[in-house]
């Protein structure tokens, strides 16, 4: 049971990191898109 608990915590931590990376990518993507729109 302990091992499963530990694995779940690691999985959740990895998922949080992934979510943070996606959030950063989205911010970068939006910033790029806005820059492109302003250039037109």
Protein backbone atom coordinates (compact mmCIF):
# COMPACT_ATOMS: atom_id res chain seq x y z
CA UNK A 1 0.00 0.00 0.00
CA UNK A 2 2.87 2.33 0.80
CA UNK A 3 4.44 1.78 -2.61
CA UNK A 4 1.18 2.59 -4.40
CA UNK A 5 0.81 5.74 -2.32
CA UNK A 6 4.33 6.85 -3.17
CA UNK A 7 3.78 6.13 -6.87
CA UNK A 8 0.56 8.15 -6.82
CA UNK A 9 2.36 11.10 -5.23
CA UNK A 10 5.13 10.93 -7.84
CA UNK A 11 2.53 10.71 -10.61
CA UNK A 12 0.64 13.72 -9.24
CA UNK A 13 3.89 15.68 -8.93
CA UNK A 14 4.82 14.86 -12.54
CA UNK A 15 1.34 15.87 -13.64
CA UNK A 16 1.67 19.22 -11.85
CA UNK A 17 4.98 19.86 -13.59
CA UNK A 18 3.37 18.98 -16.92
CA UNK A 19 0.46 21.34 -16.25
CA UNK A 20 2.88 24.14 -15.37
CA UNK A 21 4.85 23.54 -18.58
CA UNK A 22 1.65 23.58 -20.64
CA UNK A 23 0.59 26.80 -18.94
CA UNK A 24 3.96 28.38 -19.78
CA UNK A 25 3.78 27.15 -23.38
CA UNK A 26 0.29 28.61 -23.73
CA UNK A 27 1.44 31.99 -22.37
CA UNK A 28 4.37 31.95 -24.82
CA UNK A 29 2.08 30.96 -27.69
CA UNK A 30 -0.43 33.72 -26.88
CA UNK A 31 2.38 36.29 -26.61
CA UNK A 32 3.72 35.22 -30.02
CA UNK A 33 0.23 35.36 -31.55
CA UNK A 34 -0.38 38.84 -30.14
CA UNK A 35 2.98 40.04 -31.50
CA UNK A 36 2.09 38.69 -34.94
CA UNK A 37 -1.31 40.40 -34.85
CA UNK A 38 0.29 43.73 -33.91
CA UNK A 39 2.74 43.48 -36.83
CA UNK A 40 -0.02 43.23 -39.44
